[in-house]
């Protein structure tokens, strides 16, 4: 990973449809659409793109995404990738068919890249900031806060969240931060029962939660208030997968997506110092 002399690269944020994407340069001479996904480990490249670039690929195995535990993948190495003034060399990725993703993706940057830098997302100004980990993160503003960052299977997470609705309030377990999700707050079915929403599933709105390769039925429409550190966020929409395979169906699932994160003007994830900085 080669940073510019300033130690920081800034890129325009492509936020539609409420995920963190940017445009990068790489082999092949065409711009690449890159998703920055704190819920992916390791990084991934579209299988069709890997073949068109002539990358060496190995044998196939089965992995998982948000909605499936049977995702075929293989391994490869991307020789280089340039994100603004930041250059990645010999990037290890899995190669998976991303053609069924709900938005255009050529490449997904996950834990093996993001853990080696400090990521700041300025939702208000639509910018991504990628800093060298030796540089201190930007301090919180007058109304901001720095919270301890926890980790669940390499994925960044926040503790001490509390949801409240008309029938009561419940403390949540660790909530993973998923910048690849455009949801607000996603709860597993066991957590939905504990919180006390969607008791009558037949009356709830049904939608689909989409992974990179497949989808699953999801209940939507319930709104709760959420306490995150000193912040009280009102009318946060809850998604509740109807069981099934994949990460969305795991027991104890609590996941924060961009619809919630974008309530803040800026947030920063500092993996090395285990800090999450939130600014309003």
Protein backbone atom coordinates (compact mmCIF):
# COMPACT_ATOMS: atom_id res chain seq x y z
CA UNK A 1 0.00 0.00 0.00
CA UNK A 2 1.66 3.23 -1.22
CA UNK A 3 0.30 6.48 0.22
CA UNK A 4 1.02 9.96 -1.19
CA UNK A 5 3.43 12.23 0.70
CA UNK A 6 0.49 13.79 2.56
CA UNK A 7 -0.48 10.36 3.92
CA UNK A 8 -4.07 10.77 2.73
CA UNK A 9 -6.09 10.16 -0.43
CA UNK A 10 -9.50 11.78 -0.97
CA UNK A 11 -12.02 10.45 -3.47
CA UNK A 12 -15.56 11.41 -4.51
CA UNK A 13 -18.16 9.19 -2.85
CA UNK A 14 -20.70 7.50 -5.10
CA UNK A 15 -23.43 7.09 -2.50
CA UNK A 16 -26.36 5.88 -4.62
CA UNK A 17 -27.93 3.52 -3.59
CA UNK A 18 -26.66 4.32 -0.07
CA UNK A 19 -23.47 2.28 -0.20
CA UNK A 20 -19.83 3.39 -0.28
CA UNK A 21 -18.56 3.23 -3.84
CA UNK A 22 -15.86 5.07 -5.73
CA UNK A 23 -14.11 4.90 -9.08
CA UNK A 24 -10.57 3.52 -9.27
CA UNK A 25 -7.95 2.80 -11.93
CA UNK A 26 -6.59 -0.67 -12.50
CA UNK A 27 -5.38 -3.11 -15.15
CA UNK A 28 -7.34 -3.21 -18.38
CA UNK A 29 -7.53 0.51 -19.11
CA UNK A 30 -11.13 1.01 -17.94
CA UNK A 31 -12.40 2.70 -14.74
CA UNK A 32 -13.36 0.23 -12.02
CA UNK A 33 -16.32 0.68 -9.70
CA UNK A 34 -15.15 -0.19 -6.18
CA UNK A 35 -17.28 -0.91 -3.11
CA UNK A 36 -15.72 -0.21 0.30
CA UNK A 37 -17.32 -2.86 2.48
CA UNK A 38 -16.46 -3.22 6.16
CA UNK A 39 -18.60 -6.38 6.19
CA UNK A 40 -16.42 -8.32 3.71
CA UNK A 41 -13.29 -10.36 4.39
CA UNK A 42 -11.18 -10.60 2.29
CA UNK A 43 -11.57 -8.33 -0.74
CA UNK A 44 -13.31 -9.63 -3.86
CA UNK A 45 -13.17 -9.11 -7.62
CA UNK A 46 -15.82 -9.96 -10.16
CA UNK A 47 -15.02 -13.35 -11.65
CA UNK A 48 -15.81 -12.23 -15.19
CA UNK A 49 -13.49 -9.24 -14.82
CA UNK A 50 -10.70 -11.44 -13.40
CA UNK A 51 -10.98 -13.70 -16.45
CA UNK A 52 -11.02 -10.78 -18.89
CA UNK A 53 -7.87 -9.39 -17.25
CA UNK A 54 -6.21 -12.79 -17.54
CA UNK A 55 -5.61 -13.10 -13.79
CA UNK A 56 -4.48 -16.49 -12.58
CA UNK A 57 -7.29 -18.25 -10.71
CA UNK A 58 -7.24 -21.44 -8.64
CA UNK A 59 -9.70 -24.16 -7.72
CA UNK A 60 -13.22 -23.26 -6.61
CA UNK A 61 -14.70 -23.62 -3.12
CA UNK A 62 -17.92 -22.47 -1.45
CA UNK A 63 -18.22 -19.40 0.77
CA UNK A 64 -21.02 -17.20 2.08
CA UNK A 65 -22.52 -13.76 1.57
CA UNK A 66 -25.46 -11.94 3.16
CA UNK A 67 -28.06 -14.36 1.76
CA UNK A 68 -26.28 -17.62 0.91
CA UNK A 69 -23.81 -20.15 2.30
CA UNK A 70 -23.15 -21.63 -1.14
CA UNK A 71 -21.26 -18.95 -3.05
CA UNK A 72 -18.65 -20.38 -5.46
CA UNK A 73 -15.34 -18.54 -5.29
CA UNK A 74 -11.70 -18.90 -6.19
CA UNK A 75 -8.58 -16.92 -5.33
CA UNK A 76 -6.46 -14.51 -7.33
CA UNK A 77 -4.18 -11.49 -7.06
CA UNK A 78 -4.83 -8.11 -8.70
CA UNK A 79 -1.45 -6.61 -9.69
CA UNK A 80 -2.37 -3.01 -8.86
CA UNK A 81 -5.21 -0.67 -8.05
CA UNK A 82 -5.12 3.13 -7.77
CA UNK A 83 -7.60 4.94 -5.52
CA UNK A 84 -6.93 8.60 -6.19
CA UNK A 85 -3.36 9.09 -4.92
CA UNK A 86 -3.28 5.77 -3.05
CA UNK A 87 -1.85 2.71 -4.82
CA UNK A 88 -2.38 -0.92 -3.83
CA UNK A 89 0.03 -3.55 -5.12
CA UNK A 90 -0.53 -7.30 -5.45
CA UNK A 91 -3.97 -7.20 -3.88
CA UNK A 92 -5.15 -10.62 -2.70
CA UNK A 93 -8.83 -11.15 -3.50
CA UNK A 94 -11.37 -13.87 -3.94
CA UNK A 95 -12.97 -13.99 -7.39
CA UNK A 96 -16.75 -14.34 -7.32
CA UNK A 97 -19.58 -13.66 -9.76
CA UNK A 98 -20.75 -10.14 -8.88
CA UNK A 99 -23.04 -9.77 -11.90
CA UNK A 100 -26.16 -10.39 -9.76
CA UNK A 101 -25.32 -7.69 -7.22
CA UNK A 102 -28.08 -5.04 -6.97
CA UNK A 103 -25.70 -2.29 -8.12
CA UNK A 104 -22.60 -2.17 -10.30
CA UNK A 105 -19.48 -3.55 -8.62
CA UNK A 106 -16.18 -4.55 -10.19
CA UNK A 107 -14.24 -4.89 -6.96
CA UNK A 108 -15.01 -5.04 -3.22
CA UNK A 109 -12.39 -3.78 -0.77
CA UNK A 110 -12.77 -5.56 2.55
CA UNK A 111 -10.94 -6.15 5.80
CA UNK A 112 -7.55 -7.06 4.32
CA UNK A 113 -7.35 -3.52 2.85
CA UNK A 114 -9.46 -1.40 5.21
CA UNK A 115 -7.69 -2.66 8.35
CA UNK A 116 -4.45 -1.17 7.01
CA UNK A 117 -5.76 2.39 6.85
CA UNK A 118 -8.11 4.83 8.55
CA UNK A 119 -11.40 5.31 6.70
CA UNK A 120 -13.36 8.55 7.01
CA UNK A 121 -16.69 8.99 5.25
CA UNK A 122 -18.05 12.52 4.82
CA UNK A 123 -21.68 11.90 3.94
CA UNK A 124 -22.45 15.62 3.94
CA UNK A 125 -19.77 16.48 1.37
CA UNK A 126 -19.84 13.08 -0.42
CA UNK A 127 -16.14 12.35 0.08
CA UNK A 128 -14.06 9.34 1.12
CA UNK A 129 -10.79 9.90 2.99
CA UNK A 130 -8.20 7.09 3.17
CA UNK A 131 -5.42 7.89 5.67
CA UNK A 132 -2.17 6.21 6.60
CA UNK A 133 -2.69 4.42 9.95
CA UNK A 134 0.20 6.36 11.53
CA UNK A 135 -1.79 9.59 11.16
CA UNK A 136 -4.17 10.37 14.00
CA UNK A 137 -7.83 10.31 12.98
CA UNK A 138 -9.67 13.62 12.77
CA UNK A 139 -10.91 14.54 16.26
CA UNK A 140 -14.65 14.76 16.82
CA UNK A 141 -16.23 18.18 16.40
CA UNK A 142 -18.00 20.08 19.19
CA UNK A 143 -21.07 17.84 18.93
CA UNK A 144 -19.21 14.66 17.98
CA UNK A 145 -17.85 11.72 19.95
CA UNK A 146 -15.15 9.05 19.75
CA UNK A 147 -16.49 5.61 20.69
CA UNK A 148 -14.54 2.38 21.36
CA UNK A 149 -14.48 0.18 18.28
CA UNK A 150 -14.98 -3.54 18.88
CA UNK A 151 -14.58 -6.36 16.37
CA UNK A 152 -16.69 -9.41 15.49
CA UNK A 153 -14.83 -11.84 13.21
CA UNK A 154 -12.69 -8.96 11.89
CA UNK A 155 -15.74 -6.75 11.30
CA UNK A 156 -15.88 -3.39 13.16
CA UNK A 157 -18.67 -3.13 15.72
CA UNK A 158 -20.17 -0.84 18.35
CA UNK A 159 -21.32 -1.81 21.84
CA UNK A 160 -23.96 -0.39 24.19
CA UNK A 161 -26.67 0.36 21.66
CA UNK A 162 -30.23 0.56 22.91
CA UNK A 163 -33.49 0.48 20.94
CA UNK A 164 -36.76 1.95 22.20
CA UNK A 165 -40.31 1.75 20.84
CA UNK A 166 -43.86 2.03 22.11
CA UNK A 167 -43.68 -1.27 24.02
CA UNK A 168 -40.36 -0.78 25.79
CA UNK A 169 -36.60 -0.65 25.29
CA UNK A 170 -33.87 -3.30 24.89
CA UNK A 171 -30.08 -3.26 25.04
CA UNK A 172 -28.50 -4.76 21.93
CA UNK A 173 -25.39 -6.95 21.69
CA UNK A 174 -22.45 -5.88 19.55
CA UNK A 175 -23.66 -4.27 16.33
CA UNK A 176 -21.45 -4.71 13.29
CA UNK A 177 -20.82 -1.71 11.01
CA UNK A 178 -21.50 -2.68 7.41
CA UNK A 179 -20.69 -0.01 4.82
CA UNK A 180 -21.73 -2.45 2.09
CA UNK A 181 -25.34 -2.35 3.34
CA UNK A 182 -27.92 0.28 2.42
CA UNK A 183 -30.21 -0.73 5.30
CA UNK A 184 -30.75 1.13 8.55
CA UNK A 185 -30.55 -1.49 11.30
CA UNK A 186 -30.79 -5.23 10.53
CA UNK A 187 -31.78 -7.66 13.29
CA UNK A 188 -31.76 -11.44 13.22
CA UNK A 189 -35.06 -13.18 13.93
CA UNK A 190 -34.02 -13.98 17.51
CA UNK A 191 -33.17 -10.33 18.14
CA UNK A 192 -36.48 -9.23 16.59
CA UNK A 193 -38.30 -11.43 19.11
CA UNK A 194 -36.21 -10.00 21.96
CA UNK A 195 -36.89 -6.41 20.89
CA UNK A 196 -40.58 -7.19 20.48
CA UNK A 197 -41.32 -6.03 16.92
CA UNK A 198 -42.83 -7.81 13.91
CA UNK A 199 -44.91 -10.01 16.21
CA UNK A 200 -47.48 -10.34 13.44
CA UNK A 201 -45.30 -11.10 10.43
CA UNK A 202 -48.34 -11.44 8.17
CA UNK A 203 -49.05 -7.71 8.63
CA UNK A 204 -45.49 -6.55 8.06
CA UNK A 205 -44.16 -5.35 4.71
CA UNK A 206 -42.04 -7.92 2.90
CA UNK A 207 -39.03 -7.06 0.78
CA UNK A 208 -35.79 -8.74 -0.26
CA UNK A 209 -32.34 -8.52 1.29
CA UNK A 210 -29.70 -8.86 -1.41
CA UNK A 211 -26.25 -10.36 -1.07
CA UNK A 212 -23.64 -10.28 -3.80
CA UNK A 213 -25.04 -13.41 -5.45
CA UNK A 214 -28.55 -14.10 -4.09
CA UNK A 215 -31.40 -12.62 -2.05
CA UNK A 216 -33.68 -13.53 0.85
CA UNK A 217 -37.07 -12.41 2.18
CA UNK A 218 -36.92 -9.55 4.69
CA UNK A 219 -39.57 -7.86 6.84
CA UNK A 220 -39.45 -4.06 6.76
CA UNK A 221 -41.40 -1.06 8.00
CA UNK A 222 -40.95 -1.10 11.79
CA UNK A 223 -39.43 2.07 13.24
CA UNK A 224 -37.55 2.39 16.52
CA UNK A 225 -35.51 5.00 18.35
CA UNK A 226 -31.85 4.08 18.73
CA UNK A 227 -29.34 5.31 21.30
CA UNK A 228 -25.72 5.29 20.08
CA UNK A 229 -23.34 6.78 22.61
CA UNK A 230 -24.74 10.24 23.42
CA UNK A 231 -26.94 10.34 20.32
CA UNK A 232 -30.65 9.56 20.24
CA UNK A 233 -31.68 8.75 16.67
CA UNK A 234 -35.40 8.65 15.94
CA UNK A 235 -37.36 6.56 13.44
CA UNK A 236 -34.67 4.06 12.48
CA UNK A 237 -36.10 1.43 10.13
CA UNK A 238 -35.58 -2.20 11.13
CA UNK A 239 -34.99 -4.96 8.56
CA UNK A 240 -35.65 -8.51 9.75
CA UNK A 241 -34.59 -11.45 7.54
CA UNK A 242 -37.01 -14.37 7.61
CA UNK A 243 -34.31 -16.85 8.59
CA UNK A 244 -32.50 -18.87 5.96
CA UNK A 245 -28.81 -19.21 5.11
CA UNK A 246 -26.19 -16.51 4.78
CA UNK A 247 -25.04 -13.81 7.17
CA UNK A 248 -28.49 -12.19 7.31
CA UNK A 249 -29.91 -15.34 8.88
CA UNK A 250 -27.35 -15.75 11.68
CA UNK A 251 -28.51 -15.83 15.30
CA UNK A 252 -27.75 -12.66 17.26
CA UNK A 253 -27.49 -10.60 14.10
CA UNK A 254 -27.34 -6.82 14.67
CA UNK A 255 -26.00 -4.86 11.73
CA UNK A 256 -25.68 -1.11 11.09
CA UNK A 257 -25.99 0.01 7.46
CA UNK A 258 -25.53 3.28 5.61
CA UNK A 259 -29.12 4.44 5.99
CA UNK A 260 -28.35 4.77 9.70
CA UNK A 261 -24.71 5.86 9.38
CA UNK A 262 -25.66 8.67 7.00
CA UNK A 263 -27.63 10.30 9.82
CA UNK A 264 -24.16 11.55 10.76
CA UNK A 265 -22.29 14.15 8.74
CA UNK A 266 -19.07 12.13 9.04
CA UNK A 267 -17.83 8.93 10.59
CA UNK A 268 -14.32 7.53 10.90
CA UNK A 269 -13.14 3.99 11.50
CA UNK A 270 -9.64 3.72 12.95
CA UNK A 271 -8.82 0.02 13.03
CA UNK A 272 -5.38 0.40 14.61
CA UNK A 273 -6.58 2.53 17.54
CA UNK A 274 -9.97 0.78 17.79
CA UNK A 275 -11.90 4.05 17.52
CA UNK A 276 -15.10 5.11 15.80
CA UNK A 277 -15.52 8.88 15.49
CA UNK A 278 -19.05 10.18 14.84
CA UNK A 279 -19.87 13.78 13.92
CA UNK A 280 -23.24 15.40 13.39
